[in-house]
N, C-alpha and C. Protein backbone atom coordinates (compact mmCIF):
# COMPACT_ATOMS: atom_id res chain seq x y z
N MET A 1 0.81 -1.22 -0.03
CA MET A 1 0.02 -0.02 0.07
C MET A 1 0.86 1.27 -0.01
N GLU A 2 1.99 1.22 0.71
CA GLU A 2 2.79 2.46 0.79
C GLU A 2 3.79 2.49 -0.35
N SER A 3 4.00 1.44 -1.10
CA SER A 3 4.97 1.45 -2.18
C SER A 3 4.51 2.32 -3.37
N GLY A 4 3.20 2.47 -3.56
CA GLY A 4 2.61 3.23 -4.63
C GLY A 4 3.04 4.75 -4.56
N PRO A 5 2.75 5.35 -3.35
CA PRO A 5 3.16 6.76 -3.29
C PRO A 5 4.72 6.92 -3.29
N ALA A 6 5.41 5.97 -2.82
CA ALA A 6 6.93 6.07 -2.92
C ALA A 6 7.36 6.03 -4.29
N ILE A 7 6.80 5.20 -5.15
CA ILE A 7 7.15 5.04 -6.50
C ILE A 7 6.75 6.34 -7.28
N PHE A 8 5.64 6.93 -7.00
CA PHE A 8 5.13 8.06 -7.69
C PHE A 8 6.04 9.26 -7.33
N VAL A 9 6.27 9.50 -6.04
CA VAL A 9 7.10 10.59 -5.61
C VAL A 9 8.57 10.40 -6.13
N GLY A 10 9.11 9.26 -6.06
CA GLY A 10 10.43 8.97 -6.55
C GLY A 10 10.58 9.23 -8.05
N MET A 11 9.52 8.85 -8.75
CA MET A 11 9.52 9.14 -10.22
C MET A 11 9.42 10.60 -10.50
N MET A 12 8.62 11.28 -9.81
CA MET A 12 8.44 12.77 -10.00
C MET A 12 9.73 13.54 -9.69
N PHE A 13 10.44 13.18 -8.62
CA PHE A 13 11.70 13.80 -8.32
C PHE A 13 12.76 13.46 -9.34
N ALA A 14 12.73 12.23 -9.74
CA ALA A 14 13.69 11.74 -10.76
C ALA A 14 13.55 12.49 -12.08
N LEU A 15 12.28 12.55 -12.51
CA LEU A 15 11.98 13.27 -13.75
C LEU A 15 12.34 14.76 -13.68
N PHE A 16 11.96 15.40 -12.57
CA PHE A 16 12.32 16.81 -12.43
C PHE A 16 13.83 17.05 -12.38
N GLY A 17 14.50 16.28 -11.66
CA GLY A 17 15.96 16.42 -11.46
C GLY A 17 16.62 16.11 -12.84
N GLY A 18 16.20 15.05 -13.51
CA GLY A 18 16.84 14.76 -14.80
C GLY A 18 16.57 15.87 -15.89
N GLY A 19 15.31 16.28 -15.85
CA GLY A 19 14.96 17.35 -16.84
C GLY A 19 15.72 18.63 -16.51
N LEU A 20 15.83 19.03 -15.32
CA LEU A 20 16.51 20.24 -14.91
C LEU A 20 17.99 20.13 -15.21
N LEU A 21 18.58 18.93 -15.02
CA LEU A 21 20.01 18.79 -15.28
C LEU A 21 20.23 18.80 -16.84
N VAL A 22 19.39 18.19 -17.67
CA VAL A 22 19.52 18.24 -19.05
C VAL A 22 19.36 19.68 -19.60
N TRP A 23 18.30 20.36 -19.01
CA TRP A 23 18.03 21.71 -19.54
C TRP A 23 19.16 22.66 -19.11
N THR A 24 19.69 22.48 -17.98
CA THR A 24 20.83 23.41 -17.54
C THR A 24 22.04 23.06 -18.45
N ALA A 25 22.37 21.83 -18.70
CA ALA A 25 23.48 21.48 -19.58
C ALA A 25 23.34 22.00 -21.00
N VAL A 26 22.16 21.98 -21.48
CA VAL A 26 22.00 22.51 -22.87
C VAL A 26 22.16 24.05 -22.88
N ARG A 27 21.61 24.71 -21.80
CA ARG A 27 21.79 26.17 -21.79
C ARG A 27 23.22 26.55 -21.62
N VAL A 28 23.93 25.84 -20.78
CA VAL A 28 25.34 26.17 -20.60
C VAL A 28 26.15 25.89 -21.83
N ARG A 29 25.86 24.74 -22.49
CA ARG A 29 26.63 24.47 -23.71
C ARG A 29 26.41 25.40 -24.81
N GLN A 30 25.15 26.00 -24.92
CA GLN A 30 24.87 26.97 -25.95
C GLN A 30 25.24 28.37 -25.45
N ARG A 31 25.83 28.55 -24.32
CA ARG A 31 26.21 29.77 -23.74
C ARG A 31 25.07 30.77 -23.60
N GLN A 32 24.01 30.25 -23.28
CA GLN A 32 22.75 31.06 -22.97
C GLN A 32 22.61 31.09 -21.43
N PRO A 33 21.91 32.23 -20.96
CA PRO A 33 21.76 32.31 -19.49
C PRO A 33 20.83 31.25 -18.94
N VAL A 34 21.17 30.78 -17.77
CA VAL A 34 20.26 29.85 -17.11
C VAL A 34 19.14 30.55 -16.40
N ALA A 35 19.52 31.75 -15.83
CA ALA A 35 18.54 32.65 -15.22
C ALA A 35 18.87 34.08 -15.57
N ASP A 36 17.78 34.86 -15.94
CA ASP A 36 18.06 36.27 -16.29
C ASP A 36 18.53 37.09 -15.07
N GLY A 37 19.45 38.04 -15.32
CA GLY A 37 19.91 38.95 -14.34
C GLY A 37 20.79 38.31 -13.19
N VAL A 38 21.35 37.18 -13.38
CA VAL A 38 22.15 36.51 -12.40
C VAL A 38 23.40 36.08 -13.10
N SER A 39 24.46 35.98 -12.32
CA SER A 39 25.79 35.53 -12.81
C SER A 39 25.60 34.15 -13.44
N PRO A 40 26.06 33.99 -14.70
CA PRO A 40 25.92 32.72 -15.38
C PRO A 40 26.52 31.56 -14.57
N VAL A 41 27.65 31.74 -13.94
CA VAL A 41 28.24 30.60 -13.19
C VAL A 41 27.42 30.30 -11.97
N ALA A 42 26.89 31.35 -11.19
CA ALA A 42 26.13 31.13 -10.06
C ALA A 42 24.83 30.43 -10.43
N SER A 43 24.19 30.89 -11.47
CA SER A 43 22.85 30.29 -11.84
C SER A 43 23.02 28.85 -12.24
N ALA A 44 24.04 28.54 -13.02
CA ALA A 44 24.33 27.18 -13.48
C ALA A 44 24.67 26.31 -12.29
N THR A 45 25.33 26.77 -11.36
CA THR A 45 25.76 26.08 -10.19
C THR A 45 24.50 25.74 -9.31
N VAL A 46 23.68 26.75 -9.10
CA VAL A 46 22.57 26.50 -8.20
C VAL A 46 21.52 25.51 -8.92
N ALA A 47 21.36 25.69 -10.24
CA ALA A 47 20.48 24.77 -10.98
C ALA A 47 21.01 23.34 -10.90
N THR A 48 22.34 23.23 -11.06
CA THR A 48 22.88 21.91 -11.05
C THR A 48 22.73 21.24 -9.66
N LEU A 49 22.99 22.05 -8.69
CA LEU A 49 22.82 21.52 -7.27
C LEU A 49 21.39 21.12 -6.97
N ALA A 50 20.38 21.91 -7.46
CA ALA A 50 18.99 21.56 -7.27
C ALA A 50 18.73 20.25 -7.99
N ALA A 51 19.20 20.12 -9.20
CA ALA A 51 18.94 18.96 -9.99
C ALA A 51 19.55 17.72 -9.30
N VAL A 52 20.68 17.82 -8.86
CA VAL A 52 21.37 16.72 -8.16
C VAL A 52 20.66 16.38 -6.91
N ALA A 53 20.22 17.36 -6.17
CA ALA A 53 19.43 17.15 -4.93
C ALA A 53 18.08 16.42 -5.21
N ALA A 54 17.42 16.85 -6.28
CA ALA A 54 16.14 16.18 -6.67
C ALA A 54 16.42 14.73 -7.04
N LEU A 55 17.47 14.50 -7.82
CA LEU A 55 17.82 13.10 -8.12
C LEU A 55 18.09 12.27 -6.93
N ALA A 56 18.84 12.86 -5.92
CA ALA A 56 19.18 12.12 -4.68
C ALA A 56 17.91 11.85 -3.92
N VAL A 57 16.96 12.76 -3.87
CA VAL A 57 15.75 12.48 -3.13
C VAL A 57 14.90 11.43 -3.88
N GLY A 58 14.91 11.50 -5.19
CA GLY A 58 14.22 10.41 -5.96
C GLY A 58 14.82 9.08 -5.72
N ALA A 59 16.10 8.97 -5.67
CA ALA A 59 16.78 7.72 -5.41
C ALA A 59 16.51 7.26 -4.03
N TRP A 60 16.46 8.20 -3.02
CA TRP A 60 16.17 7.81 -1.64
C TRP A 60 14.74 7.23 -1.58
N CYS A 61 13.82 7.85 -2.29
CA CYS A 61 12.40 7.32 -2.29
C CYS A 61 12.39 5.90 -2.81
N PHE A 62 13.18 5.62 -3.88
CA PHE A 62 13.17 4.28 -4.45
C PHE A 62 13.83 3.26 -3.42
N THR A 63 14.73 3.73 -2.64
CA THR A 63 15.30 2.79 -1.68
C THR A 63 14.37 2.43 -0.58
N ARG A 64 13.24 3.16 -0.42
CA ARG A 64 12.30 2.93 0.64
C ARG A 64 11.22 1.99 0.25
N LEU A 65 11.28 1.36 -0.86
CA LEU A 65 10.25 0.45 -1.30
C LEU A 65 10.29 -0.83 -0.57
């Protein structure tokens, strides 16, 4: 009964983290800003850290099955 919500939440975090990581990598590779009005290095770093954190939470959810 509890594995259903864990799978759903884990998948949502994994999709969000993966999507954010891919989007950030594409923006950095094309030398486009990740966030307007912010240092390119700082915004890419924060976005990457958020993506890795979301992937880690997703992985943690999957270990709770």
